[in-house]
Amino acid sequence: MAVSRTRKKKKNQNRTAPVWEGRTVYGPGEEAAAAGGPSRTNAAAGHRAAEADRRWFERNADASVRVREALPGEHDHRAFGSEPLAPNQKIAVVVVQAAPGRRTRIPYKVVTTPTAGAAISPQQLEEIRAEWERGDQTAPLTSKDGRVVDGLALMRALTSRG
C-alpha cells in the first residue's frame, strides 16, 4: 500500500535533528542530561559562543574556519578524557562554517598556557589552524549508542538538504 504525501509529510515533521554537545551526538528522544550532557549553563555559554561566531563570520565573510578559545562552560573537559583540565589548560575550538549561517563548533585540542589567567595566544591559535588545515579535518563524534561518526560529513549532509 502506498503512503500518501500528506502522511509522509506529517511523519517527517516529527523528526528532529541531532543535538551537538561537545563531541557527542544525541539523537531524537535521547536525554542528554541523563547521560551527563548539557546543562543550562553549558547551553547559555553555547548561545553566547554561537552569537560571537556569527558576528565574527559576518566580519570575515570569506572565511570558512575560525579557531578560538572555548568560552567558560562552553565545552566540558570530558571531550578529552575523564580528568579535569589544569587551571592553565584551555580548550581550543575550531568553528567550521559549512554554509552561511550553518556552523559547527568542535572542541579540537587542549592547549597549555604559561599561567592560569593567560589566554591562548594568537600564535598558538594560528598553529592550531594550520594543524587543522593539514589534517584530515574530520570530527569524530560518538553517538549515545557508542558508534563513531564523522561529524563534519554529517553536518554537511544535513545542511545540503535545506
N, C-alpha and C. Protein backbone atom coordinates (compact mmCIF):
# COMPACT_ATOMS: atom_id res chain seq x y z
N MET A 1 0.84 -1.18 0.00
CA MET A 1 0.00 0.00 0.00
C MET A 1 0.88 1.24 0.00
N ALA A 2 0.60 2.16 -0.85
CA ALA A 2 1.39 3.39 -0.96
C ALA A 2 1.02 4.35 0.16
N VAL A 3 1.99 5.10 0.60
CA VAL A 3 1.78 6.09 1.65
C VAL A 3 1.54 7.43 0.99
N SER A 4 0.50 8.12 1.44
CA SER A 4 0.17 9.41 0.83
C SER A 4 1.24 10.45 1.15
N ARG A 5 1.30 11.48 0.31
CA ARG A 5 2.27 12.55 0.54
C ARG A 5 2.01 13.25 1.86
N THR A 6 0.74 13.42 2.20
CA THR A 6 0.39 14.08 3.45
C THR A 6 0.92 13.28 4.64
N ARG A 7 0.74 11.97 4.59
CA ARG A 7 1.19 11.12 5.68
C ARG A 7 2.72 11.16 5.78
N LYS A 8 3.41 11.15 4.65
CA LYS A 8 4.88 11.24 4.66
C LYS A 8 5.32 12.58 5.25
N LYS A 9 4.62 13.65 4.85
CA LYS A 9 4.98 14.97 5.33
C LYS A 9 4.82 15.05 6.84
N LYS A 10 3.72 14.52 7.36
CA LYS A 10 3.49 14.52 8.81
C LYS A 10 4.55 13.68 9.51
N LYS A 11 4.91 12.56 8.93
CA LYS A 11 5.92 11.69 9.52
C LYS A 11 7.26 12.43 9.59
N ASN A 12 7.64 13.15 8.54
CA ASN A 12 8.90 13.87 8.51
C ASN A 12 8.91 15.08 9.43
N GLN A 13 7.74 15.66 9.71
CA GLN A 13 7.67 16.80 10.61
C GLN A 13 8.02 16.39 12.04
N ASN A 14 7.82 15.12 12.38
CA ASN A 14 8.11 14.64 13.72
C ASN A 14 9.59 14.38 13.94
N ARG A 15 10.38 14.35 12.88
CA ARG A 15 11.81 14.12 13.01
C ARG A 15 12.48 15.38 13.54
N THR A 16 13.46 15.17 14.39
CA THR A 16 14.25 16.29 14.87
C THR A 16 15.71 16.02 14.57
N ALA A 17 16.45 17.09 14.41
CA ALA A 17 17.88 16.97 14.11
C ALA A 17 18.63 16.58 15.38
N PRO A 18 19.78 15.94 15.23
CA PRO A 18 20.57 15.60 16.41
C PRO A 18 21.07 16.86 17.12
N VAL A 19 21.26 16.74 18.42
CA VAL A 19 21.77 17.84 19.23
C VAL A 19 23.26 17.62 19.41
N TRP A 20 24.06 18.61 19.04
CA TRP A 20 25.51 18.50 19.14
C TRP A 20 25.93 19.09 20.48
N GLU A 21 26.61 18.33 21.27
CA GLU A 21 27.11 18.82 22.55
C GLU A 21 28.50 18.25 22.75
N GLY A 22 29.50 19.08 22.65
CA GLY A 22 30.86 18.59 22.75
C GLY A 22 31.14 17.68 21.58
N ARG A 23 31.63 16.47 21.83
CA ARG A 23 31.91 15.52 20.77
C ARG A 23 30.86 14.41 20.73
N THR A 24 29.75 14.59 21.40
CA THR A 24 28.72 13.56 21.44
C THR A 24 27.49 14.03 20.69
N VAL A 25 26.92 13.17 19.85
CA VAL A 25 25.69 13.49 19.15
C VAL A 25 24.57 12.73 19.83
N TYR A 26 23.55 13.45 20.28
CA TYR A 26 22.39 12.83 20.88
C TYR A 26 21.28 12.84 19.86
N GLY A 27 20.73 11.69 19.57
CA GLY A 27 19.65 11.58 18.61
C GLY A 27 18.33 12.01 19.18
N PRO A 28 17.31 12.07 18.35
CA PRO A 28 15.99 12.48 18.79
C PRO A 28 15.48 11.56 19.91
N GLY A 29 14.90 12.18 20.93
CA GLY A 29 14.31 11.41 22.01
C GLY A 29 15.30 10.95 23.07
N GLU A 30 16.58 11.17 22.86
CA GLU A 30 17.58 10.78 23.86
C GLU A 30 17.78 11.92 24.83
N GLU A 31 17.83 11.60 26.08
CA GLU A 31 18.02 12.63 27.09
C GLU A 31 19.48 12.84 27.37
N ALA A 32 20.02 13.93 26.88
CA ALA A 32 21.44 14.24 27.08
C ALA A 32 21.74 14.48 28.55
N ALA A 33 20.81 15.12 29.24
CA ALA A 33 21.05 15.44 30.64
C ALA A 33 21.18 14.17 31.48
N ALA A 34 20.43 13.14 31.15
CA ALA A 34 20.50 11.88 31.90
C ALA A 34 21.87 11.23 31.73
N ALA A 35 22.53 11.52 30.62
CA ALA A 35 23.85 10.94 30.35
C ALA A 35 24.96 11.90 30.75
N GLY A 36 24.66 12.88 31.59
CA GLY A 36 25.67 13.84 31.98
C GLY A 36 25.94 14.86 30.90
N GLY A 37 24.95 15.12 30.07
CA GLY A 37 25.11 16.01 28.92
C GLY A 37 24.99 17.46 29.28
N PRO A 38 24.45 18.25 28.37
CA PRO A 38 24.47 19.70 28.54
C PRO A 38 23.63 20.17 29.72
N SER A 39 24.13 21.17 30.41
CA SER A 39 23.38 21.78 31.49
C SER A 39 22.88 23.14 30.99
N ARG A 40 22.13 23.82 31.82
CA ARG A 40 21.64 25.14 31.42
C ARG A 40 22.79 26.12 31.23
N THR A 41 23.83 26.02 32.08
CA THR A 41 24.97 26.92 31.93
C THR A 41 25.72 26.62 30.64
N ASN A 42 25.86 25.33 30.29
CA ASN A 42 26.51 24.98 29.02
C ASN A 42 25.70 25.51 27.85
N ALA A 43 24.39 25.43 27.95
CA ALA A 43 23.53 25.92 26.86
C ALA A 43 23.68 27.43 26.73
N ALA A 44 23.73 28.15 27.85
CA ALA A 44 23.89 29.61 27.79
C ALA A 44 25.25 29.97 27.19
N ALA A 45 26.29 29.26 27.59
CA ALA A 45 27.63 29.50 27.03
C ALA A 45 27.63 29.17 25.54
N GLY A 46 26.94 28.12 25.15
CA GLY A 46 26.84 27.76 23.73
C GLY A 46 26.15 28.83 22.92
N HIS A 47 25.11 29.43 23.48
CA HIS A 47 24.41 30.52 22.79
C HIS A 47 25.31 31.75 22.64
N ARG A 48 26.06 32.08 23.71
CA ARG A 48 26.99 33.21 23.63
C ARG A 48 28.06 32.95 22.58
N ALA A 49 28.58 31.72 22.55
CA ALA A 49 29.62 31.37 21.58
C ALA A 49 29.07 31.43 20.16
N ALA A 50 27.86 30.92 19.97
CA ALA A 50 27.24 30.94 18.63
C ALA A 50 27.05 32.36 18.14
N GLU A 51 26.64 33.25 19.03
CA GLU A 51 26.45 34.65 18.65
C GLU A 51 27.77 35.31 18.31
N ALA A 52 28.81 35.04 19.11
CA ALA A 52 30.14 35.59 18.83
C ALA A 52 30.67 35.07 17.49
N ASP A 53 30.46 33.78 17.24
CA ASP A 53 30.90 33.20 15.96
C ASP A 53 30.14 33.80 14.79
N ARG A 54 28.84 34.02 14.96
CA ARG A 54 28.04 34.62 13.90
C ARG A 54 28.58 36.00 13.54
N ARG A 55 28.86 36.81 14.57
CA ARG A 55 29.39 38.15 14.32
C ARG A 55 30.76 38.07 13.65
N TRP A 56 31.62 37.14 14.09
CA TRP A 56 32.95 37.01 13.51
C TRP A 56 32.86 36.64 12.03
N PHE A 57 31.98 35.68 11.69
CA PHE A 57 31.85 35.27 10.28
C PHE A 57 31.20 36.36 9.43
N GLU A 58 30.37 37.21 10.03
CA GLU A 58 29.83 38.35 9.29
C GLU A 58 30.94 39.32 8.93
N ARG A 59 31.88 39.55 9.87
CA ARG A 59 33.01 40.46 9.61
C ARG A 59 34.04 39.83 8.68
N ASN A 60 34.14 38.51 8.64
CA ASN A 60 35.13 37.79 7.84
C ASN A 60 34.38 36.87 6.87
N ALA A 61 33.67 37.48 5.94
CA ALA A 61 32.77 36.75 5.05
C ALA A 61 33.46 35.70 4.18
N ASP A 62 34.74 35.87 3.87
CA ASP A 62 35.45 34.92 3.03
C ASP A 62 35.96 33.70 3.80
N ALA A 63 35.93 33.75 5.11
CA ALA A 63 36.47 32.66 5.94
C ALA A 63 35.46 31.53 6.08
N SER A 64 35.97 30.32 6.21
CA SER A 64 35.09 29.17 6.49
C SER A 64 35.51 28.45 7.77
N VAL A 65 36.68 28.84 8.33
CA VAL A 65 37.18 28.21 9.56
C VAL A 65 37.66 29.30 10.51
N ARG A 66 37.31 29.15 11.78
CA ARG A 66 37.78 30.04 12.83
C ARG A 66 38.30 29.17 13.96
N VAL A 67 39.43 29.56 14.55
CA VAL A 67 39.95 28.86 15.72
C VAL A 67 39.97 29.87 16.86
N ARG A 68 39.43 29.49 18.01
CA ARG A 68 39.37 30.38 19.15
C ARG A 68 39.40 29.57 20.44
N GLU A 69 39.54 30.27 21.55
CA GLU A 69 39.50 29.62 22.86
C GLU A 69 38.03 29.41 23.24
N ALA A 70 37.75 28.28 23.87
CA ALA A 70 36.39 28.00 24.31
C ALA A 70 35.98 28.98 25.40
N LEU A 71 34.74 29.40 25.36
CA LEU A 71 34.20 30.24 26.43
C LEU A 71 34.02 29.40 27.68
N PRO A 72 34.08 30.02 28.86
CA PRO A 72 33.87 29.25 30.09
C PRO A 72 32.51 28.55 30.07
N GLY A 73 32.51 27.25 30.29
CA GLY A 73 31.27 26.47 30.30
C GLY A 73 30.80 26.01 28.94
N GLU A 74 31.48 26.40 27.87
CA GLU A 74 31.03 26.04 26.52
C GLU A 74 31.24 24.55 26.25
N HIS A 75 32.42 24.04 26.57
CA HIS A 75 32.73 22.63 26.36
C HIS A 75 33.27 22.02 27.64
N ASP A 76 32.98 20.77 27.83
CA ASP A 76 33.37 20.04 29.03
C ASP A 76 34.70 19.33 28.79
N HIS A 77 35.49 19.21 29.84
CA HIS A 77 36.77 18.51 29.74
C HIS A 77 36.59 17.04 29.35
N ARG A 78 35.39 16.49 29.54
CA ARG A 78 35.17 15.07 29.23
C ARG A 78 35.30 14.77 27.75
N ALA A 79 35.32 15.80 26.91
CA ALA A 79 35.56 15.58 25.48
C ALA A 79 36.99 15.10 25.25
N PHE A 80 37.86 15.32 26.25
CA PHE A 80 39.26 14.96 26.12
C PHE A 80 39.72 13.93 27.14
N GLY A 81 38.83 13.42 27.93
CA GLY A 81 39.18 12.41 28.94
C GLY A 81 38.43 12.68 30.22
N SER A 82 38.60 11.79 31.18
CA SER A 82 37.83 11.90 32.41
C SER A 82 38.45 12.85 33.43
N GLU A 83 39.74 13.15 33.29
CA GLU A 83 40.42 14.03 34.24
C GLU A 83 40.10 15.50 33.95
N PRO A 84 39.80 16.29 34.99
CA PRO A 84 39.58 17.72 34.77
C PRO A 84 40.85 18.39 34.25
N LEU A 85 40.67 19.48 33.52
CA LEU A 85 41.81 20.22 32.99
C LEU A 85 42.49 21.00 34.12
N ALA A 86 43.80 21.19 33.98
CA ALA A 86 44.55 22.02 34.92
C ALA A 86 44.14 23.48 34.70
N PRO A 87 44.36 24.35 35.70
CA PRO A 87 43.97 25.76 35.53
C PRO A 87 44.62 26.45 34.34
N ASN A 88 45.81 26.01 33.93
CA ASN A 88 46.47 26.66 32.79
C ASN A 88 46.21 25.92 31.48
N GLN A 89 45.26 25.01 31.45
CA GLN A 89 44.89 24.32 30.22
C GLN A 89 43.57 24.88 29.69
N LYS A 90 43.55 25.18 28.43
CA LYS A 90 42.37 25.75 27.76
C LYS A 90 41.99 24.86 26.59
N ILE A 91 40.72 24.91 26.22
CA ILE A 91 40.24 24.15 25.06
C ILE A 91 40.20 25.06 23.85
N ALA A 92 40.88 24.63 22.79
CA ALA A 92 40.82 25.35 21.52
C ALA A 92 39.66 24.79 20.71
N VAL A 93 38.84 25.68 20.19
CA VAL A 93 37.65 25.31 19.44
C VAL A 93 37.84 25.68 17.98
N VAL A 94 37.53 24.75 17.10
CA VAL A 94 37.53 25.02 15.67
C VAL A 94 36.07 25.21 15.27
N VAL A 95 35.77 26.36 14.69
CA VAL A 95 34.41 26.65 14.23
C VAL A 95 34.44 26.56 12.71
N VAL A 96 33.63 25.66 12.15
CA VAL A 96 33.58 25.46 10.71
C VAL A 96 32.23 25.95 10.21
N GLN A 97 32.27 26.82 9.21
CA GLN A 97 31.04 27.29 8.58
C GLN A 97 30.86 26.54 7.27
N ALA A 98 29.90 25.61 7.25
CA ALA A 98 29.64 24.82 6.05
C ALA A 98 28.91 25.64 5.00
N ALA A 99 28.05 26.54 5.45
CA ALA A 99 27.30 27.45 4.58
C ALA A 99 26.99 28.67 5.43
N PRO A 100 26.70 29.81 4.83
CA PRO A 100 26.38 30.99 5.65
C PRO A 100 25.27 30.67 6.65
N GLY A 101 25.57 30.91 7.92
CA GLY A 101 24.60 30.63 8.98
C GLY A 101 24.58 29.20 9.45
N ARG A 102 25.35 28.32 8.85
CA ARG A 102 25.40 26.89 9.23
C ARG A 102 26.80 26.57 9.72
N ARG A 103 26.97 26.54 11.05
CA ARG A 103 28.28 26.33 11.64
C ARG A 103 28.25 25.22 12.67
N THR A 104 29.42 24.64 12.91
CA THR A 104 29.58 23.70 14.00
C THR A 104 30.83 24.09 14.77
N ARG A 105 30.74 23.92 16.08
CA ARG A 105 31.88 24.21 16.96
C ARG A 105 32.44 22.88 17.45
N ILE A 106 33.73 22.69 17.21
CA ILE A 106 34.37 21.42 17.55
C ILE A 106 35.45 21.67 18.60
N PRO A 107 35.30 21.10 19.80
CA PRO A 107 36.39 21.21 20.78
C PRO A 107 37.55 20.38 20.26
N TYR A 108 38.59 21.02 19.78
CA TYR A 108 39.61 20.34 19.00
C TYR A 108 40.82 19.89 19.80
N LYS A 109 41.30 20.73 20.70
CA LYS A 109 42.58 20.42 21.32
C LYS A 109 42.69 21.14 22.66
N VAL A 110 43.42 20.52 23.61
CA VAL A 110 43.74 21.17 24.87
C VAL A 110 45.09 21.86 24.70
N VAL A 111 45.13 23.14 25.04
CA VAL A 111 46.34 23.94 24.91
C VAL A 111 46.77 24.38 26.30
N THR A 112 48.06 24.26 26.58
CA THR A 112 48.61 24.70 27.85
C THR A 112 49.15 26.12 27.70
N THR A 113 48.70 27.01 28.59
CA THR A 113 49.16 28.39 28.58
C THR A 113 50.18 28.58 29.70
N PRO A 114 50.99 29.66 29.65
CA PRO A 114 52.02 29.86 30.67
C PRO A 114 51.46 29.98 32.10
N THR A 115 50.32 30.64 32.25
CA THR A 115 49.71 30.80 33.58
C THR A 115 48.21 30.54 33.47
N ALA A 116 47.60 30.40 34.64
CA ALA A 116 46.17 30.08 34.68
C ALA A 116 45.32 31.19 34.07
N GLY A 117 45.70 32.44 34.23
CA GLY A 117 44.90 33.55 33.74
C GLY A 117 45.16 33.91 32.28
N ALA A 118 46.19 33.31 31.69
CA ALA A 118 46.55 33.67 30.31
C ALA A 118 45.61 33.01 29.31
N ALA A 119 45.32 33.75 28.25
CA ALA A 119 44.51 33.20 27.17
C ALA A 119 45.42 32.49 26.17
N ILE A 120 44.83 31.71 25.29
CA ILE A 120 45.60 31.09 24.22
C ILE A 120 46.10 32.20 23.32
N SER A 121 47.39 32.20 23.04
CA SER A 121 47.99 33.29 22.25
C SER A 121 47.55 33.21 20.79
N PRO A 122 47.56 34.35 20.10
CA PRO A 122 47.23 34.34 18.67
C PRO A 122 48.15 33.41 17.88
N GLN A 123 49.41 33.32 18.28
CA GLN A 123 50.35 32.43 17.60
C GLN A 123 49.93 30.97 17.78
N GLN A 124 49.54 30.59 19.00
CA GLN A 124 49.07 29.23 19.23
C GLN A 124 47.81 28.94 18.42
N LEU A 125 46.89 29.92 18.36
CA LEU A 125 45.67 29.73 17.58
C LEU A 125 45.99 29.53 16.10
N GLU A 126 46.96 30.29 15.59
CA GLU A 126 47.35 30.15 14.19
C GLU A 126 47.98 28.78 13.93
N GLU A 127 48.79 28.29 14.88
CA GLU A 127 49.39 26.96 14.76
C GLU A 127 48.32 25.87 14.75
N ILE A 128 47.30 26.05 15.58
CA ILE A 128 46.20 25.07 15.62
C ILE A 128 45.43 25.11 14.31
N ARG A 129 45.21 26.31 13.77
CA ARG A 129 44.51 26.43 12.48
C ARG A 129 45.31 25.72 11.38
N ALA A 130 46.62 25.92 11.36
CA ALA A 130 47.47 25.26 10.36
C ALA A 130 47.42 23.74 10.54
N GLU A 131 47.44 23.29 11.78
CA GLU A 131 47.35 21.84 12.06
C GLU A 131 46.02 21.29 11.56
N TRP A 132 44.95 22.03 11.81
CA TRP A 132 43.61 21.62 11.37
C TRP A 132 43.57 21.51 9.85
N GLU A 133 44.10 22.50 9.17
CA GLU A 133 44.05 22.52 7.71
C GLU A 133 44.95 21.45 7.09
N ARG A 134 46.05 21.08 7.78
CA ARG A 134 46.91 19.99 7.29
C ARG A 134 46.29 18.63 7.52
N GLY A 135 45.45 18.51 8.56
CA GLY A 135 44.87 17.23 8.93
C GLY A 135 43.75 16.82 8.00
N ASP A 136 43.10 15.72 8.38
CA ASP A 136 42.02 15.20 7.54
C ASP A 136 40.70 15.93 7.77
N GLN A 137 40.67 16.86 8.72
CA GLN A 137 39.53 17.72 9.00
C GLN A 137 38.25 16.95 9.30
N THR A 138 38.39 15.85 9.96
CA THR A 138 37.21 15.13 10.40
C THR A 138 36.98 15.40 11.87
N ALA A 139 35.78 15.31 12.28
CA ALA A 139 35.42 15.49 13.67
C ALA A 139 34.75 14.22 14.15
N PRO A 140 35.49 13.32 14.79
CA PRO A 140 34.86 12.09 15.25
C PRO A 140 33.91 12.37 16.40
N LEU A 141 32.69 11.96 16.23
CA LEU A 141 31.66 12.11 17.26
C LEU A 141 31.20 10.73 17.68
N THR A 142 30.88 10.59 18.95
CA THR A 142 30.39 9.32 19.45
C THR A 142 28.90 9.47 19.75
N SER A 143 28.09 8.64 19.13
CA SER A 143 26.66 8.69 19.41
C SER A 143 26.40 8.02 20.75
N LYS A 144 25.22 8.21 21.30
CA LYS A 144 24.91 7.65 22.62
C LYS A 144 25.01 6.13 22.61
N ASP A 145 24.77 5.50 21.46
CA ASP A 145 24.87 4.04 21.39
C ASP A 145 26.29 3.56 21.12
N GLY A 146 27.28 4.50 21.14
CA GLY A 146 28.68 4.11 21.03
C GLY A 146 29.25 4.08 19.62
N ARG A 147 28.48 4.45 18.60
CA ARG A 147 29.01 4.48 17.23
C ARG A 147 29.79 5.76 17.00
N VAL A 148 30.91 5.66 16.31
CA VAL A 148 31.71 6.82 15.96
C VAL A 148 31.34 7.24 14.54
N VAL A 149 31.00 8.52 14.39
CA VAL A 149 30.61 9.04 13.08
C VAL A 149 31.47 10.27 12.77
N ASP A 150 31.60 10.59 11.49
CA ASP A 150 32.32 11.77 11.04
C ASP A 150 31.37 12.96 11.17
N GLY A 151 31.64 13.82 12.14
CA GLY A 151 30.75 14.93 12.44
C GLY A 151 30.63 15.94 11.33
N LEU A 152 31.73 16.26 10.66
CA LEU A 152 31.66 17.25 9.58
C LEU A 152 30.90 16.69 8.39
N ALA A 153 31.11 15.43 8.08
CA ALA A 153 30.36 14.83 6.98
C ALA A 153 28.87 14.83 7.30
N LEU A 154 28.54 14.52 8.56
CA LEU A 154 27.14 14.53 8.98
C LEU A 154 26.56 15.93 8.87
N MET A 155 27.30 16.94 9.35
CA MET A 155 26.80 18.31 9.28
C MET A 155 26.62 18.77 7.84
N ARG A 156 27.60 18.48 7.00
CA ARG A 156 27.49 18.90 5.60
C ARG A 156 26.32 18.21 4.91
N ALA A 157 26.06 16.96 5.25
CA ALA A 157 24.93 16.25 4.67
C ALA A 157 23.62 16.89 5.14
N LEU A 158 23.55 17.24 6.41
CA LEU A 158 22.33 17.85 6.93
C LEU A 158 22.09 19.23 6.35
N THR A 159 23.16 20.03 6.18
CA THR A 159 22.98 21.39 5.66
C THR A 159 22.74 21.40 4.15
N SER A 160 23.18 20.38 3.44
CA SER A 160 22.96 20.39 2.00
C SER A 160 21.51 20.05 1.65
N ARG A 161 20.77 19.50 2.60
CA ARG A 161 19.35 19.17 2.35
C ARG A 161 18.48 20.40 2.37
N GLY A 162 18.84 21.39 3.19
CA GLY A 162 17.96 22.55 3.37
C GLY A 162 18.43 23.67 2.60
